[in-house]
């Protein structure tokens, strides 16, 4: 009986220990389950990472091969050479036309023919500049036009050849040596303005406009209506000086507008009008001075206009 009593509690304690051990093992086993088998809350999708462009791809341009570059340069040279030939032919036709009109007495006054050539040939040369290409060498092709005329004046001025029509149309007294003065200075100033200023500066445009238009028209008007002389120079008249100021100003503004429309010049027109008026006034005063025997008007007028215009425009 005592054995049976002592055996009961021992079994009960062993059973309790066994259950406790099993529960602990089950807890540990459950805790050590892999994460994939445990129920997890789904994570939100990751936000897109903004792309930072450090380098920008340049627009694609086909590679320029040496052959293509040579062909483009050759086309440009041909274009400028053709423009030079066309303008040279036009200038020669202009002078030849007035030679013909003078010889046939359609223009009675030789001085009128000379001044019309003076006005139109320079303006024709200046208007033709946009025909040339946009390369840096285009101005040199353009200068070939007055350079050819310069050589022509030197040849005939030195009496190496004879051209009565040329002499009558551009000289005052019909003497060959006159070609080496005013007309030669005229074409040299055309070359100077084209080389130094070209199409991108108002200075050359204004200087040529004052020399060709202002001074040329002043002589025509002065001879026709110049009865009232300037007190300090009896060779100049009030009508001629006033006409030089007006027409020099108007032709300068017209040429600047011409190049502005074509995109070569960007101007503030209120200031431009004031500056051109001042240049015209100074050039008119210089032209009226009794210095023709010392300095030709084809030198003094454009150079003074050039200096004043450059001081105001700065380029």
C-alpha atoms as a PDB file:
ATOM      1  CA  UNK A   1       0.000   0.000   0.000  1.00  0.00           C
ATOM      2  CA  UNK A   2       2.802   2.370   0.931  1.00  0.00           C
ATOM      3  CA  UNK A   3       4.534   1.643  -2.369  1.00  0.00           C
ATOM      4  CA  UNK A   4       1.508   2.571  -4.331  1.00  0.00           C
ATOM      5  CA  UNK A   5       1.130   5.845  -2.436  1.00  0.00           C
ATOM      6  CA  UNK A   6       4.752   6.858  -2.985  1.00  0.00           C
ATOM      7  CA  UNK A   7       4.622   6.050  -6.669  1.00  0.00           C
ATOM      8  CA  UNK A   8       1.632   8.375  -7.437  1.00  0.00           C
ATOM      9  CA  UNK A   9       3.296  11.700  -6.613  1.00  0.00           C
ATOM     10  CA  UNK A  10       6.495  10.739  -8.416  1.00  0.00           C
ATOM     11  CA  UNK A  11       4.646  10.080 -11.653  1.00  0.00           C
ATOM     12  CA  UNK A  12       2.754  13.308 -11.342  1.00  0.00           C
ATOM     13  CA  UNK A  13       5.934  15.349 -10.904  1.00  0.00           C
ATOM     14  CA  UNK A  14       7.589  13.650 -13.868  1.00  0.00           C
ATOM     15  CA  UNK A  15       4.579  14.330 -16.043  1.00  0.00           C
ATOM     16  CA  UNK A  16       4.579  17.985 -15.040  1.00  0.00           C
ATOM     17  CA  UNK A  17       8.267  18.334 -15.908  1.00  0.00           C
ATOM     18  CA  UNK A  18       7.711  16.671 -19.241  1.00  0.00           C
ATOM     19  CA  UNK A  19       4.880  19.023 -20.158  1.00  0.00           C
ATOM     20  CA  UNK A  20       6.909  22.040 -19.110  1.00  0.00           C
ATOM     21  CA  UNK A  21       9.871  20.911 -21.220  1.00  0.00           C
ATOM     22  CA  UNK A  22       7.630  20.282 -24.236  1.00  0.00           C
ATOM     23  CA  UNK A  23       6.048  23.730 -23.957  1.00  0.00           C
ATOM     24  CA  UNK A  24       9.439  25.384 -23.763  1.00  0.00           C
ATOM     25  CA  UNK A  25      10.705  23.460 -26.773  1.00  0.00           C
ATOM     26  CA  UNK A  26       7.606  24.353 -28.737  1.00  0.00           C
ATOM     27  CA  UNK A  27       8.045  28.050 -27.875  1.00  0.00           C
ATOM     28  CA  UNK A  28      11.670  28.028 -28.926  1.00  0.00           C
ATOM     29  CA  UNK A  29      10.865  26.188 -32.129  1.00  0.00           C
ATOM     30  CA  UNK A  30       8.086  28.611 -32.981  1.00  0.00           C
ATOM     31  CA  UNK A  31      10.337  31.564 -32.258  1.00  0.00           C
ATOM     32  CA  UNK A  32      13.102  30.214 -34.523  1.00  0.00           C
ATOM     33  CA  UNK A  33      10.856  29.817 -37.565  1.00  0.00           C
ATOM     34  CA  UNK A  34      12.174  31.421 -40.727  1.00  0.00           C
ATOM     35  CA  UNK A  35      10.974  34.971 -41.461  1.00  0.00           C
ATOM     36  CA  UNK A  36       9.359  33.901 -44.712  1.00  0.00           C
ATOM     37  CA  UNK A  37       6.883  31.694 -42.834  1.00  0.00           C
ATOM     38  CA  UNK A  38       5.924  34.450 -40.381  1.00  0.00           C
ATOM     39  CA  UNK A  39       3.036  36.716 -41.364  1.00  0.00           C
ATOM     40  CA  UNK A  40       4.523  40.108 -42.422  1.00  0.00           C
ATOM     41  CA  UNK A  41       2.888  43.393 -43.327  1.00  0.00           C
ATOM     42  CA  UNK A  42       3.595  44.194 -47.051  1.00  0.00           C
ATOM     43  CA  UNK A  43       6.066  47.082 -47.524  1.00  0.00           C
ATOM     44  CA  UNK A  44       5.098  50.034 -49.734  1.00  0.00           C
ATOM     45  CA  UNK A  45       6.851  50.188 -53.107  1.00  0.00           C
ATOM     46  CA  UNK A  46      10.049  52.306 -53.115  1.00  0.00           C
ATOM     47  CA  UNK A  47       9.773  55.866 -54.415  1.00  0.00           C
ATOM     48  CA  UNK A  48      11.444  56.511 -57.759  1.00  0.00           C
ATOM     49  CA  UNK A  49      14.878  58.081 -57.457  1.00  0.00           C
ATOM     50  CA  UNK A  50      15.057  61.411 -59.296  1.00  0.00           C
ATOM     51  CA  UNK A  51      17.527  61.449 -62.196  1.00  0.00           C
ATOM     52  CA  UNK A  52      20.028  64.271 -62.040  1.00  0.00           C
ATOM     53  CA  UNK A  53      21.412  65.201 -65.474  1.00  0.00           C
ATOM     54  CA  UNK A  54      24.961  66.362 -65.075  1.00  0.00           C
ATOM     55  CA  UNK A  55      25.931  66.064 -68.710  1.00  0.00           C
ATOM     56  CA  UNK A  56      23.592  67.160 -71.486  1.00  0.00           C
ATOM     57  CA  UNK A  57      23.835  65.583 -74.859  1.00  0.00           C
ATOM     58  CA  UNK A  58      24.502  68.106 -77.580  1.00  0.00           C
ATOM     59  CA  UNK A  59      22.330  68.035 -80.690  1.00  0.00           C
ATOM     60  CA  UNK A  60      23.687  65.667 -83.204  1.00  0.00           C
ATOM     61  CA  UNK A  61      25.622  67.250 -86.025  1.00  0.00           C
ATOM     62  CA  UNK A  62      26.958  65.198 -88.843  1.00  0.00           C
ATOM     63  CA  UNK A  63      30.727  65.153 -88.898  1.00  0.00           C
ATOM     64  CA  UNK A  64      32.289  67.620 -91.309  1.00  0.00           C
ATOM     65  CA  UNK A  65      34.776  65.762 -93.375  1.00  0.00           C
ATOM     66  CA  UNK A  66      37.767  67.564 -94.890  1.00  0.00           C
ATOM     67  CA  UNK A  67      36.249  67.061 -98.307  1.00  0.00           C
ATOM     68  CA  UNK A  68      32.959  68.711 -97.266  1.00  0.00           C
ATOM     69  CA  UNK A  69      34.818  71.612 -95.643  1.00  0.00           C
ATOM     70  CA  UNK A  70      36.872  72.150 -98.790  1.00  0.00           C
ATOM     71  CA  UNK A  71      33.742  72.101-100.928  1.00  0.00           C
ATOM     72  CA  UNK A  72      32.034  74.663 -98.667  1.00  0.00           C
ATOM     73  CA  UNK A  73      35.087  76.951 -98.774  1.00  0.00           C
ATOM     74  CA  UNK A  74      35.244  76.653-102.553  1.00  0.00           C
ATOM     75  CA  UNK A  75      31.555  77.539-102.863  1.00  0.00           C
ATOM     76  CA  UNK A  76      32.040  80.595-100.651  1.00  0.00           C
ATOM     77  CA  UNK A  77      34.979  81.796-102.717  1.00  0.00           C
ATOM     78  CA  UNK A  78      33.028  81.309-105.932  1.00  0.00           C
ATOM     79  CA  UNK A  79      30.078  83.204-104.444  1.00  0.00           C
ATOM     80  CA  UNK A  80      32.226  86.182-103.407  1.00  0.00           C
ATOM     81  CA  UNK A  81      34.109  86.155-106.696  1.00  0.00           C
ATOM     82  CA  UNK A  82      30.831  86.195-108.594  1.00  0.00           C
ATOM     83  CA  UNK A  83      29.541  89.066-106.444  1.00  0.00           C
ATOM     84  CA  UNK A  84      32.749  90.990-107.112  1.00  0.00           C
ATOM     85  CA  UNK A  85      32.438  90.485-110.855  1.00  0.00           C
ATOM     86  CA  UNK A  86      28.777  91.527-110.848  1.00  0.00           C
ATOM     87  CA  UNK A  87      29.386  94.703-108.844  1.00  0.00           C
ATOM     88  CA  UNK A  88      32.443  95.574-110.904  1.00  0.00           C
ATOM     89  CA  UNK A  89      30.365  95.214-114.068  1.00  0.00           C
ATOM     90  CA  UNK A  90      27.634  97.377-112.544  1.00  0.00           C
ATOM     91  CA  UNK A  91      30.100 100.087-111.521  1.00  0.00           C
ATOM     92  CA  UNK A  92      31.688 100.079-114.973  1.00  0.00           C
ATOM     93  CA  UNK A  93      28.255 100.286-116.596  1.00  0.00           C
ATOM     94  CA  UNK A  94      27.352 103.213-114.358  1.00  0.00           C
ATOM     95  CA  UNK A  95      30.437 105.233-115.287  1.00  0.00           C
ATOM     96  CA  UNK A  96      30.125 104.247-118.964  1.00  0.00           C
ATOM     97  CA  UNK A  97      26.517 105.411-119.007  1.00  0.00           C
ATOM     98  CA  UNK A  98      27.468 108.883-117.840  1.00  0.00           C
ATOM     99  CA  UNK A  99      30.400 108.882-120.267  1.00  0.00           C
ATOM    100  CA  UNK A 100      27.947 108.204-123.079  1.00  0.00           C
ATOM    101  CA  UNK A 101      25.459 110.814-121.877  1.00  0.00           C
ATOM    102  CA  UNK A 102      28.193 113.413-121.592  1.00  0.00           C
ATOM    103  CA  UNK A 103      29.639 112.702-125.028  1.00  0.00           C
ATOM    104  CA  UNK A 104      26.178 112.825-126.630  1.00  0.00           C
ATOM    105  CA  UNK A 105      25.428 116.069-124.761  1.00  0.00           C
ATOM    106  CA  UNK A 106      22.400 114.586-123.029  1.00  0.00           C
ATOM    107  CA  UNK A 107      23.962 116.030-119.867  1.00  0.00           C
ATOM    108  CA  UNK A 108      25.010 119.538-120.769  1.00  0.00           C
ATOM    109  CA  UNK A 109      27.084 120.305-117.706  1.00  0.00           C
ATOM    110  CA  UNK A 110      30.207 118.250-117.172  1.00  0.00           C
ATOM    111  CA  UNK A 111      30.171 119.077-113.469  1.00  0.00           C
ATOM    112  CA  UNK A 112      26.692 117.563-113.152  1.00  0.00           C
ATOM    113  CA  UNK A 113      27.850 114.304-114.725  1.00  0.00           C
ATOM    114  CA  UNK A 114      30.889 114.234-112.441  1.00  0.00           C
ATOM    115  CA  UNK A 115      28.811 114.738-109.308  1.00  0.00           C
ATOM    116  CA  UNK A 116      26.182 112.187-110.314  1.00  0.00           C
ATOM    117  CA  UNK A 117      28.972 109.629-110.726  1.00  0.00           C
ATOM    118  CA  UNK A 118      30.348 110.805-107.380  1.00  0.00           C
ATOM    119  CA  UNK A 119      27.000 110.232-105.649  1.00  0.00           C
ATOM    120  CA  UNK A 120      25.784 107.043-107.301  1.00  0.00           C
ATOM    121  CA  UNK A 121      28.984 105.002-107.559  1.00  0.00           C
ATOM    122  CA  UNK A 122      29.751 105.198-103.842  1.00  0.00           C
ATOM    123  CA  UNK A 123      26.180 104.489-102.791  1.00  0.00           C
ATOM    124  CA  UNK A 124      25.991 101.612-105.265  1.00  0.00           C
ATOM    125  CA  UNK A 125      29.140 100.106-103.769  1.00  0.00           C
ATOM    126  CA  UNK A 126      27.833 100.491-100.220  1.00  0.00           C
ATOM    127  CA  UNK A 127      24.402  99.041-101.009  1.00  0.00           C
ATOM    128  CA  UNK A 128      26.040  95.974-102.579  1.00  0.00           C
ATOM    129  CA  UNK A 129      27.854  94.823 -99.423  1.00  0.00           C
ATOM    130  CA  UNK A 130      25.100  92.417 -98.298  1.00  0.00           C
ATOM    131  CA  UNK A 131      25.513  90.468-101.544  1.00  0.00           C
ATOM    132  CA  UNK A 132      28.787  89.063-100.243  1.00  0.00           C
ATOM    133  CA  UNK A 133      29.038  86.086 -97.899  1.00  0.00           C
ATOM    134  CA  UNK A 134      29.299  86.285 -94.107  1.00  0.00           C
ATOM    135  CA  UNK A 135      32.911  85.085 -93.998  1.00  0.00           C
ATOM    136  CA  UNK A 136      35.716  87.317 -92.770  1.00  0.00           C
ATOM    137  CA  UNK A 137      37.282  87.350 -96.210  1.00  0.00           C
ATOM    138  CA  UNK A 138      34.196  88.787 -97.914  1.00  0.00           C
ATOM    139  CA  UNK A 139      35.281  92.382 -97.310  1.00  0.00           C
ATOM    140  CA  UNK A 140      38.513  91.756 -99.194  1.00  0.00           C
ATOM    141  CA  UNK A 141      36.583  90.579-102.227  1.00  0.00           C
ATOM    142  CA  UNK A 142      34.416  93.698-101.989  1.00  0.00           C
ATOM    143  CA  UNK A 143      37.511  95.903-101.894  1.00  0.00           C
ATOM    144  CA  UNK A 144      38.564  94.541-105.260  1.00  0.00           C
ATOM    145  CA  UNK A 145      35.872  96.694-106.883  1.00  0.00           C
ATOM    146  CA  UNK A 146      37.295 100.108-105.858  1.00  0.00           C
ATOM    147  CA  UNK A 147      40.808  98.694-106.157  1.00  0.00           C
ATOM    148  CA  UNK A 148      40.278  98.014-109.865  1.00  0.00           C
ATOM    149  CA  UNK A 149      38.930 101.542-110.286  1.00  0.00           C
ATOM    150  CA  UNK A 150      41.927 102.829-108.346  1.00  0.00           C
ATOM    151  CA  UNK A 151      44.320 101.132-110.757  1.00  0.00           C
ATOM    152  CA  UNK A 152      42.306 102.487-113.667  1.00  0.00           C
ATOM    153  CA  UNK A 153      42.595 106.043-112.313  1.00  0.00           C
ATOM    154  CA  UNK A 154      46.334 105.682-111.760  1.00  0.00           C
ATOM    155  CA  UNK A 155      46.926 104.335-115.275  1.00  0.00           C
ATOM    156  CA  UNK A 156      44.955 107.109-116.955  1.00  0.00           C
ATOM    157  CA  UNK A 157      46.131 109.761-114.516  1.00  0.00           C
ATOM    158  CA  UNK A 158      49.733 108.987-115.411  1.00  0.00           C
ATOM    159  CA  UNK A 159      48.749 109.073-119.118  1.00  0.00           C
ATOM    160  CA  UNK A 160      49.768 105.462-119.567  1.00  0.00           C
ATOM    161  CA  UNK A 161      46.476 105.035-121.402  1.00  0.00           C
ATOM    162  CA  UNK A 162      43.857 107.433-122.708  1.00  0.00           C
ATOM    163  CA  UNK A 163      40.132 107.455-121.948  1.00  0.00           C
ATOM    164  CA  UNK A 164      38.493 110.770-122.758  1.00  0.00           C
ATOM    165  CA  UNK A 165      35.103 109.639-121.525  1.00  0.00           C
ATOM    166  CA  UNK A 166      36.473 108.750-118.102  1.00  0.00           C
ATOM    167  CA  UNK A 167      38.383 112.007-117.818  1.00  0.00           C
ATOM    168  CA  UNK A 168      35.363 114.131-118.748  1.00  0.00           C
ATOM    169  CA  UNK A 169      32.998 112.300-116.415  1.00  0.00           C
ATOM    170  CA  UNK A 170      35.055 112.499-113.197  1.00  0.00           C
ATOM    171  CA  UNK A 171      37.318 115.579-113.496  1.00  0.00           C
ATOM    172  CA  UNK A 172      36.621 119.296-113.167  1.00  0.00           C
ATOM    173  CA  UNK A 173      38.808 120.664-115.947  1.00  0.00           C
ATOM    174  CA  UNK A 174      39.286 117.608-118.149  1.00  0.00           C
ATOM    175  CA  UNK A 175      42.953 117.076-117.250  1.00  0.00           C
ATOM    176  CA  UNK A 176      44.302 113.538-116.748  1.00  0.00           C
ATOM    177  CA  UNK A 177      46.321 114.504-113.669  1.00  0.00           C
ATOM    178  CA  UNK A 178      43.101 115.410-111.871  1.00  0.00           C
ATOM    179  CA  UNK A 179      42.351 111.694-111.681  1.00  0.00           C
ATOM    180  CA  UNK A 180      45.184 111.391-109.151  1.00  0.00           C
ATOM    181  CA  UNK A 181      43.533 113.797-106.713  1.00  0.00           C
ATOM    182  CA  UNK A 182      39.823 113.866-105.838  1.00  0.00           C
ATOM    183  CA  UNK A 183      38.700 110.726-107.729  1.00  0.00           C
ATOM    184  CA  UNK A 184      41.650 108.708-106.398  1.00  0.00           C
ATOM    185  CA  UNK A 185      41.028 109.852-102.824  1.00  0.00           C
ATOM    186  CA  UNK A 186      37.395 108.887-103.299  1.00  0.00           C
ATOM    187  CA  UNK A 187      38.082 105.233-104.182  1.00  0.00           C
ATOM    188  CA  UNK A 188      40.749 104.979-101.467  1.00  0.00           C
ATOM    189  CA  UNK A 189      38.160 106.023 -98.875  1.00  0.00           C
ATOM    190  CA  UNK A 190      35.790 103.376-100.220  1.00  0.00           C
ATOM    191  CA  UNK A 191      38.483 100.761 -99.625  1.00  0.00           C
ATOM    192  CA  UNK A 192      39.300 102.128 -96.166  1.00  0.00           C
ATOM    193  CA  UNK A 193      35.694 102.071 -94.940  1.00  0.00           C
ATOM    194  CA  UNK A 194      35.100  98.569 -96.281  1.00  0.00           C
ATOM    195  CA  UNK A 195      38.250  97.195 -94.658  1.00  0.00           C
ATOM    196  CA  UNK A 196      37.925  98.881 -91.276  1.00  0.00           C
ATOM    197  CA  UNK A 197      34.181  98.936 -90.641  1.00  0.00           C
ATOM    198  CA  UNK A 198      32.353  96.813 -93.220  1.00  0.00           C
ATOM    199  CA  UNK A 199      28.686  95.992 -92.522  1.00  0.00           C
ATOM    200  CA  UNK A 200      28.806  95.634 -88.743  1.00  0.00           C
ATOM    201  CA  UNK A 201      29.576  99.261 -87.890  1.00  0.00           C
ATOM    202  CA  UNK A 202      27.578 102.435 -88.526  1.00  0.00           C
ATOM    203  CA  UNK A 203      30.793 104.460 -88.738  1.00  0.00           C
ATOM    204  CA  UNK A 204      31.766 103.439 -92.262  1.00  0.00           C
ATOM    205  CA  UNK A 205      28.197 103.739 -93.504  1.00  0.00           C
ATOM    206  CA  UNK A 206      27.835 107.287 -92.156  1.00  0.00           C
ATOM    207  CA  UNK A 207      31.250 108.362 -93.464  1.00  0.00           C
ATOM    208  CA  UNK A 208      30.502 107.195 -97.000  1.00  0.00           C
ATOM    209  CA  UNK A 209      26.992 108.634 -96.890  1.00  0.00           C
ATOM    210  CA  UNK A 210      28.389 112.050 -95.972  1.00  0.00           C
ATOM    211  CA  UNK A 211      31.096 111.880 -98.650  1.00  0.00           C
ATOM    212  CA  UNK A 212      28.938 110.500-101.460  1.00  0.00           C
ATOM    213  CA  UNK A 213      25.498 111.869-100.732  1.00  0.00           C
ATOM    214  CA  UNK A 214      26.020 114.964 -98.612  1.00  0.00           C
ATOM    215  CA  UNK A 215      29.049 116.443-100.365  1.00  0.00           C
ATOM    216  CA  UNK A 216      27.846 115.431-103.831  1.00  0.00           C
ATOM    217  CA  UNK A 217      24.384 116.950-103.522  1.00  0.00           C
ATOM    218  CA  UNK A 218      25.796 120.064-101.836  1.00  0.00           C
ATOM    219  CA  UNK A 219      27.850 120.804-104.962  1.00  0.00           C
ATOM    220  CA  UNK A 220      24.847 120.351-107.284  1.00  0.00           C
ATOM    221  CA  UNK A 221      22.518 122.527-105.185  1.00  0.00           C
ATOM    222  CA  UNK A 222      25.226 125.093-104.509  1.00  0.00           C
ATOM    223  CA  UNK A 223      25.946 125.594-108.210  1.00  0.00           C
ATOM    224  CA  UNK A 224      22.262 125.947-108.997  1.00  0.00           C
ATOM    225  CA  UNK A 225      20.988 128.037-106.084  1.00  0.00           C
ATOM    226  CA  UNK A 226      24.185 129.253-104.435  1.00  0.00           C
ATOM    227  CA  UNK A 227      23.918 132.982-104.980  1.00  0.00           C
ATOM    228  CA  UNK A 228      24.175 133.712-101.262  1.00  0.00           C
ATOM    229  CA  UNK A 229      27.732 132.917-100.225  1.00  0.00           C
ATOM    230  CA  UNK A 230      29.109 132.007 -96.821  1.00  0.00           C
ATOM    231  CA  UNK A 231      30.991 135.011 -95.359  1.00  0.00           C
ATOM    232  CA  UNK A 232      34.206 133.151 -94.558  1.00  0.00           C
ATOM    233  CA  UNK A 233      34.325 131.205 -97.858  1.00  0.00           C
ATOM    234  CA  UNK A 234      33.101 132.780-101.080  1.00  0.00           C
ATOM    235  CA  UNK A 235      33.477 129.441-102.875  1.00  0.00           C
ATOM    236  CA  UNK A 236      30.692 127.907-100.751  1.00  0.00           C
ATOM    237  CA  UNK A 237      27.048 128.916-100.441  1.00  0.00           C
ATOM    238  CA  UNK A 238      24.394 128.675 -97.769  1.00  0.00           C
ATOM    239  CA  UNK A 239      22.207 126.619-100.089  1.00  0.00           C
ATOM    240  CA  UNK A 240      24.989 124.091-100.630  1.00  0.00           C
ATOM    241  CA  UNK A 241      25.815 123.792 -96.937  1.00  0.00           C
ATOM    242  CA  UNK A 242      22.188 123.457 -95.885  1.00  0.00           C
ATOM    243  CA  UNK A 243      21.588 120.815 -98.537  1.00  0.00           C
ATOM    244  CA  UNK A 244      24.679 118.931 -97.392  1.00  0.00           C
ATOM    245  CA  UNK A 245      23.419 118.810 -93.826  1.00  0.00           C
ATOM    246  CA  UNK A 246      19.920 117.699 -94.837  1.00  0.00           C
ATOM    247  CA  UNK A 247      20.839 115.128 -97.476  1.00  0.00           C
ATOM    248  CA  UNK A 248      23.865 113.842 -95.592  1.00  0.00           C
ATOM    249  CA  UNK A 249      21.622 113.253 -92.593  1.00  0.00           C
ATOM    250  CA  UNK A 250      18.818 111.627 -94.609  1.00  0.00           C
ATOM    251  CA  UNK A 251      21.077 109.352 -96.646  1.00  0.00           C
ATOM    252  CA  UNK A 252      22.940 108.287 -93.506  1.00  0.00           C
ATOM    253  CA  UNK A 253      19.687 107.400 -91.734  1.00  0.00           C
ATOM    254  CA  UNK A 254      18.429 105.601 -94.826  1.00  0.00           C
ATOM    255  CA  UNK A 255      21.581 103.480 -95.111  1.00  0.00           C
ATOM    256  CA  UNK A 256      21.542 102.666 -91.402  1.00  0.00           C
ATOM    257  CA  UNK A 257      17.908 101.607 -91.714  1.00  0.00           C
ATOM    258  CA  UNK A 258      18.857  99.460 -94.708  1.00  0.00           C
ATOM    259  CA  UNK A 259      21.499  97.564 -92.739  1.00  0.00           C
ATOM    260  CA  UNK A 260      19.305  97.411 -89.663  1.00  0.00           C
ATOM    261  CA  UNK A 261      16.486  95.736 -91.601  1.00  0.00           C
ATOM    262  CA  UNK A 262      18.968  93.204 -92.962  1.00  0.00           C
ATOM    263  CA  UNK A 263      20.098  92.398 -89.415  1.00  0.00           C
ATOM    264  CA  UNK A 264      23.637  93.781 -89.510  1.00  0.00           C
ATOM    265  CA  UNK A 265      23.017  96.651 -87.083  1.00  0.00           C
ATOM    266  CA  UNK A 266      21.018  96.921 -83.843  1.00  0.00           C
ATOM    267  CA  UNK A 267      20.465 100.592 -83.051  1.00  0.00           C
ATOM    268  CA  UNK A 268      18.646 102.778 -80.560  1.00  0.00           C
ATOM    269  CA  UNK A 269      17.013 105.062 -83.086  1.00  0.00           C
ATOM    270  CA  UNK A 270      16.396 108.032 -80.812  1.00  0.00           C
ATOM    271  CA  UNK A 271      20.083 108.248 -79.942  1.00  0.00           C
ATOM    272  CA  UNK A 272      21.108 107.307 -83.478  1.00  0.00           C
ATOM    273  CA  UNK A 273      19.174 110.217 -84.995  1.00  0.00           C
ATOM    274  CA  UNK A 274      20.809 112.633 -82.567  1.00  0.00           C
ATOM    275  CA  UNK A 275      24.290 111.258 -83.243  1.00  0.00           C
ATOM    276  CA  UNK A 276      23.859 111.317 -87.022  1.00  0.00           C
ATOM    277  CA  UNK A 277      22.581 114.899 -86.850  1.00  0.00           C
ATOM    278  CA  UNK A 278      25.708 115.904 -84.956  1.00  0.00           C
ATOM    279  CA  UNK A 279      27.957 114.124 -87.468  1.00  0.00           C
ATOM    280  CA  UNK A 280      26.143 115.865 -90.322  1.00  0.00           C
ATOM    281  CA  UNK A 281      26.569 119.248 -88.667  1.00  0.00           C
ATOM    282  CA  UNK A 282      30.308 118.773 -88.089  1.00  0.00           C
ATOM    283  CA  UNK A 283      30.838 117.454 -91.634  1.00  0.00           C
ATOM    284  CA  UNK A 284      28.907 120.415 -93.049  1.00  0.00           C
ATOM    285  CA  UNK A 285      31.077 122.893 -91.152  1.00  0.00           C
ATOM    286  CA  UNK A 286      34.254 121.140 -92.314  1.00  0.00           C
ATOM    287  CA  UNK A 287      33.051 121.120 -95.928  1.00  0.00           C
ATOM    288  CA  UNK A 288      32.327 124.845 -95.779  1.00  0.00           C
ATOM    289  CA  UNK A 289      35.827 125.795 -94.624  1.00  0.00           C
ATOM    290  CA  UNK A 290      38.213 127.417 -97.152  1.00  0.00           C
ATOM    291  CA  UNK A 291      40.623 124.472 -97.053  1.00  0.00           C
ATOM    292  CA  UNK A 292      39.885 122.858-100.428  1.00  0.00           C
ATOM    293  CA  UNK A 293      43.244 123.935-101.853  1.00  0.00           C
ATOM    294  CA  UNK A 294      45.015 122.285 -98.932  1.00  0.00           C
ATOM    295  CA  UNK A 295      42.885 119.232 -98.166  1.00  0.00           C
ATOM    296  CA  UNK A 296      40.438 117.769-100.670  1.00  0.00           C
ATOM    297  CA  UNK A 297      36.824 117.393 -99.549  1.00  0.00           C
ATOM    298  CA  UNK A 298      37.019 113.687-100.392  1.00  0.00           C
ATOM    299  CA  UNK A 299      39.551 113.397 -97.573  1.00  0.00           C
ATOM    300  CA  UNK A 300      38.420 115.921 -94.976  1.00  0.00           C
ATOM    301  CA  UNK A 301      34.678 115.180 -95.005  1.00  0.00           C
ATOM    302  CA  UNK A 302      34.796 111.370 -94.644  1.00  0.00           C
ATOM    303  CA  UNK A 303      37.712 111.341 -92.185  1.00  0.00           C
ATOM    304  CA  UNK A 304      36.115 113.916 -89.893  1.00  0.00           C
ATOM    305  CA  UNK A 305      32.769 112.099 -90.156  1.00  0.00           C
ATOM    306  CA  UNK A 306      34.561 108.855 -89.345  1.00  0.00           C
ATOM    307  CA  UNK A 307      36.247 110.310 -86.267  1.00  0.00           C
ATOM    308  CA  UNK A 308      33.090 111.924 -84.872  1.00  0.00           C
ATOM    309  CA  UNK A 309      30.921 108.864 -85.567  1.00  0.00           C
ATOM    310  CA  UNK A 310      33.467 106.520 -84.008  1.00  0.00           C
ATOM    311  CA  UNK A 311      33.698 108.694 -80.888  1.00  0.00           C
ATOM    312  CA  UNK A 312      29.915 108.467 -80.426  1.00  0.00           C
ATOM    313  CA  UNK A 313      29.100 104.937 -81.565  1.00  0.00           C
ATOM    314  CA  UNK A 314      32.331 103.351 -80.370  1.00  0.00           C
ATOM    315  CA  UNK A 315      32.529 100.629 -83.013  1.00  0.00           C
END
